[in-house]
Amino acid sequence: MESAPPTSASPAPARDDVQPCHNETLDRFLTGLVTGIPILALGIVGWQLWNSLLHVSDLIVLAIMYVITCLGITVGFHRLFTHRSFKTGPRTRGVLAVMGMMAIEGPVISWVADHRKHHAFSDHEGDPHSPHLHGHGLKGALHGLFHAHVGWIFMHDQRGSHDRYAPDLQDDPVVSWANGKFFYWVLLGLALPFGLGWLIGGSLATALTGLLWGGAVRMLLLHHVTYSINSICHVFGRKAYESDDESRNVGWLALFSMGESWHNNHHAFPTSAHHGLRWYQVDLSALVIRGMERVGLAWDVVRPSAERMAAKQR
């Protein structure tokens, strides 16, 4: 398994391509907390399971919070804000922005700028999280996978410039306002599972375990599913369509990622609201967008034509 070197035709990043980080040490510390605390929480989960203290309410809270925050990332951050694969009104944009930021994967404008830069330089120099730019052989492949999965979030040398990659969101009053309140949405993403645990389970104990499962465990699951799109889906799997990168379709991740792991489909047709392009390709995010369209919350939904799909099929 060798890392693919950049081609001679690779686009070169511009000098204004990178978003400056004004306090890199603090950013890395906070990123480390968000990454590490959910892993440490597994110790409490193990103790809870060993002592048969798992409540049904814990799993209900986990499911509710996972669905809310995952859709915030997949439907909101990715398909709406990054690729503009459909249009919606200001209230819905605001709700989707908040849902995505409750996932604690960063402010919406930063997330979008990084992802648009990823598409501009996918698997070439300038891509913030390609696994294919870190040497050859097994060592290079493992280094690349680690970098693409989690290492890149601690780095700031290739993060997408907000002015260059997300000026439309900076000019959007709803998104810009929500982006500036990121810390409050993080707190909301932790307060909700605490409150749901209390409401469903009826005690302070279930509120605390609701926070554990709907907060820490949910973060661990969702973050690593998201990270797997950057790492696993650029190394393993199948290329169904021609694309100028190493994106792959990984079917077993489709349910957990709500359709994001049909990643080669996505890179072949990046503005498509549907990533699952075949009847058997599970894409819950596309179903949500279709439902929004039917009730008038989404319009101008982008779908690739059969002719375009046939032209790019491998």
C-alpha atoms as a PDB file:
ATOM      1  CA  MET A   1       0.000   0.000   0.000  1.00  0.00           C
ATOM      2  CA  GLU A   2       1.920   3.051  -1.240  1.00  0.00           C
ATOM      3  CA  SER A   3       1.081   6.688  -0.914  1.00  0.00           C
ATOM      4  CA  ALA A   4       0.300   8.321  -4.251  1.00  0.00           C
ATOM      5  CA  PRO A   5       2.613  11.262  -4.979  1.00  0.00           C
ATOM      6  CA  PRO A   6       1.183  14.524  -6.286  1.00  0.00           C
ATOM      7  CA  THR A   7       0.964  14.727 -10.040  1.00  0.00           C
ATOM      8  CA  SER A   8       2.877  17.319 -12.037  1.00  0.00           C
ATOM      9  CA  ALA A   9      -0.446  18.925 -12.914  1.00  0.00           C
ATOM     10  CA  SER A  10      -1.355  19.464  -9.262  1.00  0.00           C
ATOM     11  CA  PRO A  11      -2.607  22.987  -8.514  1.00  0.00           C
ATOM     12  CA  ALA A  12      -0.276  25.051  -6.344  1.00  0.00           C
ATOM     13  CA  PRO A  13      -1.676  26.596  -3.151  1.00  0.00           C
ATOM     14  CA  ALA A  14      -1.688  30.378  -3.164  1.00  0.00           C
ATOM     15  CA  ARG A  15       0.171  32.318  -0.468  1.00  0.00           C
ATOM     16  CA  ASP A  16      -3.117  33.581   0.975  1.00  0.00           C
ATOM     17  CA  ASP A  17      -4.480  30.042   1.142  1.00  0.00           C
ATOM     18  CA  VAL A  18      -3.867  29.372   4.835  1.00  0.00           C
ATOM     19  CA  GLN A  19      -5.896  30.695   7.759  1.00  0.00           C
ATOM     20  CA  PRO A  20      -3.589  32.246  10.388  1.00  0.00           C
ATOM     21  CA  CYS A  21      -3.782  30.808  13.896  1.00  0.00           C
ATOM     22  CA  HIS A  22      -3.236  33.474  16.539  1.00  0.00           C
ATOM     23  CA  ASN A  23      -2.664  31.096  19.475  1.00  0.00           C
ATOM     24  CA  GLU A  24      -1.554  27.732  18.157  1.00  0.00           C
ATOM     25  CA  THR A  25      -0.626  26.357  21.594  1.00  0.00           C
ATOM     26  CA  LEU A  26      -4.069  27.093  23.040  1.00  0.00           C
ATOM     27  CA  ASP A  27      -5.766  25.700  19.947  1.00  0.00           C
ATOM     28  CA  ARG A  28      -3.809  22.456  20.205  1.00  0.00           C
ATOM     29  CA  PHE A  29      -4.561  22.200  23.924  1.00  0.00           C
ATOM     30  CA  LEU A  30      -8.319  22.611  23.358  1.00  0.00           C
ATOM     31  CA  THR A  31      -8.213  20.199  20.421  1.00  0.00           C
ATOM     32  CA  GLY A  32      -6.424  17.709  22.654  1.00  0.00           C
ATOM     33  CA  LEU A  33      -9.139  18.034  25.302  1.00  0.00           C
ATOM     34  CA  VAL A  34     -11.944  17.507  22.788  1.00  0.00           C
ATOM     35  CA  THR A  35     -10.083  14.513  21.346  1.00  0.00           C
ATOM     36  CA  GLY A  36      -8.869  12.981  24.585  1.00  0.00           C
ATOM     37  CA  ILE A  37     -11.739  13.391  27.051  1.00  0.00           C
ATOM     38  CA  PRO A  38     -14.164  11.142  25.104  1.00  0.00           C
ATOM     39  CA  ILE A  39     -11.467   8.448  24.987  1.00  0.00           C
ATOM     40  CA  LEU A  40     -10.896   8.729  28.749  1.00  0.00           C
ATOM     41  CA  ALA A  41     -14.664   8.531  29.254  1.00  0.00           C
ATOM     42  CA  LEU A  42     -14.537   4.980  27.905  1.00  0.00           C
ATOM     43  CA  GLY A  43     -13.077   3.994  31.285  1.00  0.00           C
ATOM     44  CA  ILE A  44     -16.254   5.199  33.020  1.00  0.00           C
ATOM     45  CA  VAL A  45     -18.364   3.471  30.377  1.00  0.00           C
ATOM     46  CA  GLY A  46     -16.490   0.225  31.000  1.00  0.00           C
ATOM     47  CA  TRP A  47     -17.063   0.508  34.751  1.00  0.00           C
ATOM     48  CA  GLN A  48     -20.744   1.301  34.168  1.00  0.00           C
ATOM     49  CA  LEU A  49     -21.224  -1.722  31.917  1.00  0.00           C
ATOM     50  CA  TRP A  50     -19.264  -4.005  34.269  1.00  0.00           C
ATOM     51  CA  ASN A  51     -21.539  -3.049  37.141  1.00  0.00           C
ATOM     52  CA  SER A  52     -24.723  -3.390  35.069  1.00  0.00           C
ATOM     53  CA  LEU A  53     -25.513   0.304  35.530  1.00  0.00           C
ATOM     54  CA  LEU A  54     -26.341   1.062  31.899  1.00  0.00           C
ATOM     55  CA  HIS A  55     -29.797   2.608  31.569  1.00  0.00           C
ATOM     56  CA  VAL A  56     -32.067   2.327  28.552  1.00  0.00           C
ATOM     57  CA  SER A  57     -32.294   6.117  28.698  1.00  0.00           C
ATOM     58  CA  ASP A  58     -28.526   6.320  28.057  1.00  0.00           C
ATOM     59  CA  LEU A  59     -28.876   4.601  24.690  1.00  0.00           C
ATOM     60  CA  ILE A  60     -31.909   6.711  23.779  1.00  0.00           C
ATOM     61  CA  VAL A  61     -30.009   9.906  24.578  1.00  0.00           C
ATOM     62  CA  LEU A  62     -26.985   8.659  22.610  1.00  0.00           C
ATOM     63  CA  ALA A  63     -29.177   7.947  19.571  1.00  0.00           C
ATOM     64  CA  ILE A  64     -30.968  11.310  19.735  1.00  0.00           C
ATOM     65  CA  MET A  65     -27.770  13.334  20.112  1.00  0.00           C
ATOM     66  CA  TYR A  66     -25.935  11.338  17.448  1.00  0.00           C
ATOM     67  CA  VAL A  67     -28.685  11.885  14.890  1.00  0.00           C
ATOM     68  CA  ILE A  68     -28.973  15.620  15.658  1.00  0.00           C
ATOM     69  CA  THR A  69     -25.249  16.367  15.518  1.00  0.00           C
ATOM     70  CA  CYS A  70     -24.465  13.996  12.648  1.00  0.00           C
ATOM     71  CA  LEU A  71     -27.148  15.605  10.471  1.00  0.00           C
ATOM     72  CA  GLY A  72     -25.777  18.989  11.490  1.00  0.00           C
ATOM     73  CA  ILE A  73     -22.461  17.946   9.957  1.00  0.00           C
ATOM     74  CA  THR A  74     -23.685  15.973   6.928  1.00  0.00           C
ATOM     75  CA  VAL A  75     -26.741  17.963   5.830  1.00  0.00           C
ATOM     76  CA  GLY A  76     -25.684  21.324   7.279  1.00  0.00           C
ATOM     77  CA  PHE A  77     -21.918  21.816   7.291  1.00  0.00           C
ATOM     78  CA  HIS A  78     -21.223  19.582   4.299  1.00  0.00           C
ATOM     79  CA  ARG A  79     -24.022  19.482   1.758  1.00  0.00           C
ATOM     80  CA  LEU A  80     -25.598  22.894   2.438  1.00  0.00           C
ATOM     81  CA  PHE A  81     -22.824  25.226   3.583  1.00  0.00           C
ATOM     82  CA  THR A  82     -19.782  23.692   1.866  1.00  0.00           C
ATOM     83  CA  HIS A  83     -21.226  22.525  -1.461  1.00  0.00           C
ATOM     84  CA  ARG A  84     -24.500  24.476  -1.676  1.00  0.00           C
ATOM     85  CA  SER A  85     -26.261  21.351  -2.940  1.00  0.00           C
ATOM     86  CA  PHE A  86     -29.631  22.811  -1.976  1.00  0.00           C
ATOM     87  CA  LYS A  87     -31.118  26.089  -0.806  1.00  0.00           C
ATOM     88  CA  THR A  88     -33.088  26.824   2.313  1.00  0.00           C
ATOM     89  CA  GLY A  89     -34.311  29.747   4.399  1.00  0.00           C
ATOM     90  CA  PRO A  90     -32.430  31.678   7.089  1.00  0.00           C
ATOM     91  CA  ARG A  91     -34.078  29.921  10.038  1.00  0.00           C
ATOM     92  CA  THR A  92     -33.213  26.482   8.682  1.00  0.00           C
ATOM     93  CA  ARG A  93     -29.656  27.627   7.924  1.00  0.00           C
ATOM     94  CA  GLY A  94     -29.337  28.827  11.488  1.00  0.00           C
ATOM     95  CA  VAL A  95     -30.692  25.598  12.970  1.00  0.00           C
ATOM     96  CA  LEU A  96     -28.395  23.442  10.820  1.00  0.00           C
ATOM     97  CA  ALA A  97     -25.388  25.597  11.727  1.00  0.00           C
ATOM     98  CA  VAL A  98     -26.141  25.192  15.444  1.00  0.00           C
ATOM     99  CA  MET A  99     -26.714  21.430  15.090  1.00  0.00           C
ATOM    100  CA  GLY A 100     -23.350  21.079  13.364  1.00  0.00           C
ATOM    101  CA  MET A 101     -21.476  23.153  15.927  1.00  0.00           C
ATOM    102  CA  MET A 102     -22.958  21.067  18.756  1.00  0.00           C
ATOM    103  CA  ALA A 103     -20.924  18.195  17.265  1.00  0.00           C
ATOM    104  CA  ILE A 104     -17.813  20.091  18.460  1.00  0.00           C
ATOM    105  CA  GLU A 105     -15.897  19.741  15.200  1.00  0.00           C
ATOM    106  CA  GLY A 106     -15.187  23.463  15.116  1.00  0.00           C
ATOM    107  CA  PRO A 107     -17.031  26.613  14.043  1.00  0.00           C
ATOM    108  CA  VAL A 108     -18.993  26.279  10.816  1.00  0.00           C
ATOM    109  CA  ILE A 109     -16.899  28.777   8.823  1.00  0.00           C
ATOM    110  CA  SER A 110     -13.619  27.056   9.755  1.00  0.00           C
ATOM    111  CA  TRP A 111     -15.060  23.623   8.931  1.00  0.00           C
ATOM    112  CA  VAL A 112     -16.321  24.777   5.546  1.00  0.00           C
ATOM    113  CA  ALA A 113     -13.099  26.620   4.625  1.00  0.00           C
ATOM    114  CA  ASP A 114     -11.021  23.520   5.409  1.00  0.00           C
ATOM    115  CA  HIS A 115     -13.324  21.258   3.421  1.00  0.00           C
ATOM    116  CA  ARG A 116     -13.495  23.519   0.391  1.00  0.00           C
ATOM    117  CA  LYS A 117      -9.683  23.659   0.419  1.00  0.00           C
ATOM    118  CA  HIS A 118      -9.640  19.867   0.594  1.00  0.00           C
ATOM    119  CA  HIS A 119     -11.688  19.724  -2.605  1.00  0.00           C
ATOM    120  CA  ALA A 120      -9.555  22.368  -4.309  1.00  0.00           C
ATOM    121  CA  PHE A 121      -6.361  20.336  -3.742  1.00  0.00           C
ATOM    122  CA  SER A 122      -7.719  16.862  -3.022  1.00  0.00           C
ATOM    123  CA  ASP A 123      -4.812  14.443  -2.449  1.00  0.00           C
ATOM    124  CA  HIS A 124      -2.345  17.022  -3.761  1.00  0.00           C
ATOM    125  CA  GLU A 125      -0.112  19.551  -2.047  1.00  0.00           C
ATOM    126  CA  GLY A 126      -2.349  21.997  -0.201  1.00  0.00           C
ATOM    127  CA  ASP A 127      -4.950  19.421   0.910  1.00  0.00           C
ATOM    128  CA  PRO A 128      -5.291  19.843   4.703  1.00  0.00           C
ATOM    129  CA  HIS A 129      -5.814  16.147   5.353  1.00  0.00           C
ATOM    130  CA  SER A 130      -4.733  13.919   2.497  1.00  0.00           C
ATOM    131  CA  PRO A 131      -3.242  10.548   3.518  1.00  0.00           C
ATOM    132  CA  HIS A 132      -1.155  10.466   0.330  1.00  0.00           C
ATOM    133  CA  LEU A 133       1.510  13.123   0.914  1.00  0.00           C
ATOM    134  CA  HIS A 134       3.575  11.552   3.681  1.00  0.00           C
ATOM    135  CA  GLY A 135       6.126   9.266   2.072  1.00  0.00           C
ATOM    136  CA  HIS A 136       6.136   5.832   0.468  1.00  0.00           C
ATOM    137  CA  GLY A 137       5.816   2.274   1.669  1.00  0.00           C
ATOM    138  CA  LEU A 138       4.178   1.036   4.851  1.00  0.00           C
ATOM    139  CA  LYS A 139       5.651   3.781   7.045  1.00  0.00           C
ATOM    140  CA  GLY A 140       4.413   6.528   4.725  1.00  0.00           C
ATOM    141  CA  ALA A 141       0.993   4.906   4.433  1.00  0.00           C
ATOM    142  CA  LEU A 142       0.560   4.608   8.217  1.00  0.00           C
ATOM    143  CA  HIS A 143       1.805   8.160   8.743  1.00  0.00           C
ATOM    144  CA  GLY A 144      -0.614   9.378   6.089  1.00  0.00           C
ATOM    145  CA  LEU A 145      -3.565   7.527   7.595  1.00  0.00           C
ATOM    146  CA  PHE A 146      -2.829   8.935  11.054  1.00  0.00           C
ATOM    147  CA  HIS A 147      -2.444  12.459   9.678  1.00  0.00           C
ATOM    148  CA  ALA A 148      -5.676  12.246   7.653  1.00  0.00           C
ATOM    149  CA  HIS A 149      -7.617  10.709  10.523  1.00  0.00           C
ATOM    150  CA  VAL A 150      -6.668  12.914  13.460  1.00  0.00           C
ATOM    151  CA  GLY A 151      -3.176  14.400  13.135  1.00  0.00           C
ATOM    152  CA  TRP A 152      -4.190  17.226  10.810  1.00  0.00           C
ATOM    153  CA  ILE A 153      -6.543  18.821  13.351  1.00  0.00           C
ATOM    154  CA  PHE A 154      -3.486  19.707  15.461  1.00  0.00           C
ATOM    155  CA  MET A 155      -1.742  21.350  12.482  1.00  0.00           C
ATOM    156  CA  HIS A 156      -2.288  24.828  11.058  1.00  0.00           C
ATOM    157  CA  ASP A 157       0.002  24.965   8.026  1.00  0.00           C
ATOM    158  CA  GLN A 158      -2.698  24.044   5.478  1.00  0.00           C
ATOM    159  CA  ARG A 159      -5.989  25.144   7.065  1.00  0.00           C
ATOM    160  CA  GLY A 160      -8.329  26.902   4.654  1.00  0.00           C
ATOM    161  CA  SER A 161      -8.382  30.694   4.661  1.00  0.00           C
ATOM    162  CA  HIS A 162     -11.817  31.985   5.639  1.00  0.00           C
ATOM    163  CA  ASP A 163     -11.523  34.991   3.317  1.00  0.00           C
ATOM    164  CA  ARG A 164     -10.559  32.828   0.354  1.00  0.00           C
ATOM    165  CA  TYR A 165     -12.739  29.763   0.872  1.00  0.00           C
ATOM    166  CA  ALA A 166     -15.776  30.929   2.823  1.00  0.00           C
ATOM    167  CA  PRO A 167     -16.467  34.609   2.040  1.00  0.00           C
ATOM    168  CA  ASP A 168     -20.125  33.789   1.316  1.00  0.00           C
ATOM    169  CA  LEU A 169     -20.592  32.457   4.850  1.00  0.00           C
ATOM    170  CA  GLN A 170     -18.795  35.410   6.385  1.00  0.00           C
ATOM    171  CA  ASP A 171     -21.244  37.646   4.518  1.00  0.00           C
ATOM    172  CA  ASP A 172     -24.263  35.577   5.586  1.00  0.00           C
ATOM    173  CA  PRO A 173     -25.637  37.360   8.688  1.00  0.00           C
ATOM    174  CA  VAL A 174     -27.275  34.232  10.109  1.00  0.00           C
ATOM    175  CA  VAL A 175     -24.261  31.952   9.680  1.00  0.00           C
ATOM    176  CA  SER A 176     -21.787  34.639  10.747  1.00  0.00           C
ATOM    177  CA  TRP A 177     -23.755  35.331  13.937  1.00  0.00           C
ATOM    178  CA  ALA A 178     -24.057  31.629  14.790  1.00  0.00           C
ATOM    179  CA  ASN A 179     -20.363  31.070  14.043  1.00  0.00           C
ATOM    180  CA  GLY A 180     -19.412  33.783  16.545  1.00  0.00           C
ATOM    181  CA  LYS A 181     -21.364  32.003  19.299  1.00  0.00           C
ATOM    182  CA  PHE A 182     -19.596  28.662  18.847  1.00  0.00           C
ATOM    183  CA  PHE A 183     -18.760  28.262  22.553  1.00  0.00           C
ATOM    184  CA  TYR A 184     -22.446  28.562  23.483  1.00  0.00           C
ATOM    185  CA  TRP A 185     -23.421  25.814  21.023  1.00  0.00           C
ATOM    186  CA  VAL A 186     -20.735  23.568  22.522  1.00  0.00           C
ATOM    187  CA  LEU A 187     -22.340  24.078  25.941  1.00  0.00           C
ATOM    188  CA  LEU A 188     -25.784  23.445  24.439  1.00  0.00           C
ATOM    189  CA  GLY A 189     -24.492  20.185  22.945  1.00  0.00           C
ATOM    190  CA  LEU A 190     -23.568  19.077  26.472  1.00  0.00           C
ATOM    191  CA  ALA A 191     -26.592  20.522  28.279  1.00  0.00           C
ATOM    192  CA  LEU A 192     -29.070  18.751  25.980  1.00  0.00           C
ATOM    193  CA  PRO A 193     -27.974  15.183  26.784  1.00  0.00           C
ATOM    194  CA  PHE A 194     -27.925  16.068  30.494  1.00  0.00           C
ATOM    195  CA  GLY A 195     -31.487  17.400  30.234  1.00  0.00           C
ATOM    196  CA  LEU A 196     -32.669  14.502  28.073  1.00  0.00           C
ATOM    197  CA  GLY A 197     -31.209  12.023  30.532  1.00  0.00           C
ATOM    198  CA  TRP A 198     -33.106  13.720  33.347  1.00  0.00           C
ATOM    199  CA  LEU A 199     -36.379  13.864  31.396  1.00  0.00           C
ATOM    200  CA  ILE A 200     -36.229  10.289  30.082  1.00  0.00           C
ATOM    201  CA  GLY A 201     -34.651   8.588  33.082  1.00  0.00           C
ATOM    202  CA  GLY A 202     -36.141  10.779  35.788  1.00  0.00           C
ATOM    203  CA  SER A 203     -33.127  11.198  38.064  1.00  0.00           C
ATOM    204  CA  LEU A 204     -29.842  13.036  38.513  1.00  0.00           C
ATOM    205  CA  ALA A 205     -28.031   9.746  37.961  1.00  0.00           C
ATOM    206  CA  THR A 206     -29.613   9.267  34.520  1.00  0.00           C
ATOM    207  CA  ALA A 207     -28.914  12.931  33.739  1.00  0.00           C
ATOM    208  CA  LEU A 208     -25.209  12.360  34.428  1.00  0.00           C
ATOM    209  CA  THR A 209     -25.076   9.108  32.476  1.00  0.00           C
ATOM    210  CA  GLY A 210     -27.069  10.826  29.721  1.00  0.00           C
ATOM    211  CA  LEU A 211     -24.277  13.412  29.573  1.00  0.00           C
ATOM    212  CA  LEU A 212     -21.734  10.590  29.454  1.00  0.00           C
ATOM    213  CA  TRP A 213     -23.424   8.732  26.583  1.00  0.00           C
ATOM    214  CA  GLY A 214     -25.045  11.620  24.722  1.00  0.00           C
ATOM    215  CA  GLY A 215     -22.015  13.847  25.250  1.00  0.00           C
ATOM    216  CA  ALA A 216     -18.683  12.033  25.483  1.00  0.00           C
ATOM    217  CA  VAL A 217     -19.576   8.707  23.810  1.00  0.00           C
ATOM    218  CA  ARG A 218     -21.505  10.469  21.061  1.00  0.00           C
ATOM    219  CA  MET A 219     -18.532  12.779  20.421  1.00  0.00           C
ATOM    220  CA  LEU A 220     -16.148   9.828  20.247  1.00  0.00           C
ATOM    221  CA  LEU A 221     -18.326   7.950  17.765  1.00  0.00           C
ATOM    222  CA  LEU A 222     -19.206  10.897  15.546  1.00  0.00           C
ATOM    223  CA  HIS A 223     -15.729  12.419  15.474  1.00  0.00           C
ATOM    224  CA  HIS A 224     -14.080   9.182  14.427  1.00  0.00           C
ATOM    225  CA  VAL A 225     -16.740   8.461  11.834  1.00  0.00           C
ATOM    226  CA  THR A 226     -16.109  11.933  10.394  1.00  0.00           C
ATOM    227  CA  TYR A 227     -12.337  11.427  10.569  1.00  0.00           C
ATOM    228  CA  SER A 228     -12.719   8.082   8.783  1.00  0.00           C
ATOM    229  CA  ILE A 229     -14.125   9.857   5.724  1.00  0.00           C
ATOM    230  CA  ASN A 230     -10.810  11.740   5.477  1.00  0.00           C
ATOM    231  CA  SER A 231      -8.622   8.700   6.118  1.00  0.00           C
ATOM    232  CA  ILE A 232     -10.277   5.354   5.303  1.00  0.00           C
ATOM    233  CA  CYS A 233     -12.329   6.718   2.391  1.00  0.00           C
ATOM    234  CA  HIS A 234      -9.192   8.023   0.664  1.00  0.00           C
ATOM    235  CA  VAL A 235      -7.272   4.734   0.918  1.00  0.00           C
ATOM    236  CA  PHE A 236      -9.643   1.743   1.036  1.00  0.00           C
ATOM    237  CA  GLY A 237     -12.782   0.895  -0.921  1.00  0.00           C
ATOM    238  CA  ARG A 238     -13.908   1.179  -4.533  1.00  0.00           C
ATOM    239  CA  LYS A 239     -13.774   3.931  -7.132  1.00  0.00           C
ATOM    240  CA  ALA A 240     -17.032   3.822  -9.059  1.00  0.00           C
ATOM    241  CA  TYR A 241     -16.460   7.105 -10.925  1.00  0.00           C
ATOM    242  CA  GLU A 242     -13.515   8.979 -12.372  1.00  0.00           C
ATOM    243  CA  SER A 243     -12.111  11.667 -10.077  1.00  0.00           C
ATOM    244  CA  ASP A 244      -8.796  13.514  -9.803  1.00  0.00           C
ATOM    245  CA  ASP A 245      -8.021  12.076  -6.371  1.00  0.00           C
ATOM    246  CA  GLU A 246      -7.976   8.872  -4.359  1.00  0.00           C
ATOM    247  CA  SER A 247     -11.532   9.060  -2.949  1.00  0.00           C
ATOM    248  CA  ARG A 248     -13.248   5.708  -2.401  1.00  0.00           C
ATOM    249  CA  ASN A 249     -16.721   4.339  -1.603  1.00  0.00           C
ATOM    250  CA  VAL A 250     -16.814   2.417   1.695  1.00  0.00           C
ATOM    251  CA  GLY A 251     -20.183   0.738   2.131  1.00  0.00           C
ATOM    252  CA  TRP A 252     -19.873  -0.462   5.739  1.00  0.00           C
ATOM    253  CA  LEU A 253     -19.481   3.145   6.921  1.00  0.00           C
ATOM    254  CA  ALA A 254     -22.578   4.400   5.118  1.00  0.00           C
ATOM    255  CA  LEU A 255     -25.105   3.903   7.912  1.00  0.00           C
ATOM    256  CA  PHE A 256     -22.883   5.392  10.631  1.00  0.00           C
ATOM    257  CA  SER A 257     -21.891   8.358   8.421  1.00  0.00           C
ATOM    258  CA  MET A 258     -25.432   8.842   7.094  1.00  0.00           C
ATOM    259  CA  GLY A 259     -24.251   8.469   3.503  1.00  0.00           C
ATOM    260  CA  GLU A 260     -20.967  10.383   3.640  1.00  0.00           C
ATOM    261  CA  SER A 261     -18.845   7.296   2.979  1.00  0.00           C
ATOM    262  CA  TRP A 262     -20.031   7.082  -0.633  1.00  0.00           C
ATOM    263  CA  HIS A 263     -17.049   9.337  -0.934  1.00  0.00           C
ATOM    264  CA  ASN A 264     -15.951   8.650  -4.483  1.00  0.00           C
ATOM    265  CA  ASN A 265     -19.508   9.399  -5.614  1.00  0.00           C
ATOM    266  CA  HIS A 266     -19.237  12.683  -3.743  1.00  0.00           C
ATOM    267  CA  HIS A 267     -15.877  13.678  -5.229  1.00  0.00           C
ATOM    268  CA  ALA A 268     -17.113  12.827  -8.711  1.00  0.00           C
ATOM    269  CA  PHE A 269     -20.248  14.978  -8.196  1.00  0.00           C
ATOM    270  CA  PRO A 270     -19.369  17.312  -5.290  1.00  0.00           C
ATOM    271  CA  THR A 271     -22.448  19.538  -5.535  1.00  0.00           C
ATOM    272  CA  SER A 272     -24.885  16.616  -5.487  1.00  0.00           C
ATOM    273  CA  ALA A 273     -27.196  16.516  -2.476  1.00  0.00           C
ATOM    274  CA  HIS A 274     -27.255  12.723  -2.872  1.00  0.00           C
ATOM    275  CA  HIS A 275     -24.036  10.801  -2.191  1.00  0.00           C
ATOM    276  CA  GLY A 276     -25.675   7.400  -2.475  1.00  0.00           C
ATOM    277  CA  LEU A 277     -26.325   7.308  -6.200  1.00  0.00           C
ATOM    278  CA  ARG A 278     -27.652   3.733  -6.460  1.00  0.00           C
ATOM    279  CA  TRP A 279     -30.836   2.360  -4.912  1.00  0.00           C
ATOM    280  CA  TYR A 280     -28.835   0.114  -2.579  1.00  0.00           C
ATOM    281  CA  GLN A 281     -26.458   2.855  -1.354  1.00  0.00           C
ATOM    282  CA  VAL A 282     -27.835   3.907   2.026  1.00  0.00           C
ATOM    283  CA  ASP A 283     -27.814   7.706   2.370  1.00  0.00           C
ATOM    284  CA  LEU A 284     -29.895   8.918   5.303  1.00  0.00           C
ATOM    285  CA  SER A 285     -28.764  12.518   4.778  1.00  0.00           C
ATOM    286  CA  ALA A 286     -30.201  12.486   1.251  1.00  0.00           C
ATOM    287  CA  LEU A 287     -33.481  11.133   2.629  1.00  0.00           C
ATOM    288  CA  VAL A 288     -33.607  14.008   5.118  1.00  0.00           C
ATOM    289  CA  ILE A 289     -32.974  16.545   2.347  1.00  0.00           C
ATOM    290  CA  ARG A 290     -35.687  14.903   0.246  1.00  0.00           C
ATOM    291  CA  GLY A 291     -38.078  15.182   3.195  1.00  0.00           C
ATOM    292  CA  MET A 292     -37.142  18.842   3.662  1.00  0.00           C
ATOM    293  CA  GLU A 293     -37.816  19.394  -0.034  1.00  0.00           C
ATOM    294  CA  ARG A 294     -41.283  17.866   0.215  1.00  0.00           C
ATOM    295  CA  VAL A 295     -42.310  20.122   3.090  1.00  0.00           C
ATOM    296  CA  GLY A 296     -40.847  23.250   1.486  1.00  0.00           C
ATOM    297  CA  LEU A 297     -37.750  23.611   3.700  1.00  0.00           C
ATOM    298  CA  ALA A 298     -35.337  22.866   0.838  1.00  0.00           C
ATOM    299  CA  TRP A 299     -35.382  23.751  -2.843  1.00  0.00           C
ATOM    300  CA  ASP A 300     -33.088  23.826  -5.891  1.00  0.00           C
ATOM    301  CA  VAL A 301     -31.769  20.440  -4.770  1.00  0.00           C
ATOM    302  CA  VAL A 302     -28.842  19.361  -6.982  1.00  0.00           C
ATOM    303  CA  ARG A 303     -28.841  15.840  -8.395  1.00  0.00           C
ATOM    304  CA  PRO A 304     -26.494  14.569 -11.131  1.00  0.00           C
ATOM    305  CA  SER A 305     -28.159  13.520 -14.369  1.00  0.00           C
ATOM    306  CA  ALA A 306     -27.999   9.946 -15.625  1.00  0.00           C
ATOM    307  CA  GLU A 307     -25.905  11.203 -18.556  1.00  0.00           C
ATOM    308  CA  ARG A 308     -23.291  12.813 -16.283  1.00  0.00           C
ATOM    309  CA  MET A 309     -23.112   9.690 -14.139  1.00  0.00           C
ATOM    310  CA  ALA A 310     -22.694   7.443 -17.173  1.00  0.00           C
ATOM    311  CA  ALA A 311     -19.947   9.683 -18.584  1.00  0.00           C
ATOM    312  CA  LYS A 312     -17.873   9.419 -15.407  1.00  0.00           C
ATOM    313  CA  GLN A 313     -18.493   5.754 -14.617  1.00  0.00           C
ATOM    314  CA  ARG A 314     -15.380   3.596 -14.504  1.00  0.00           C
END
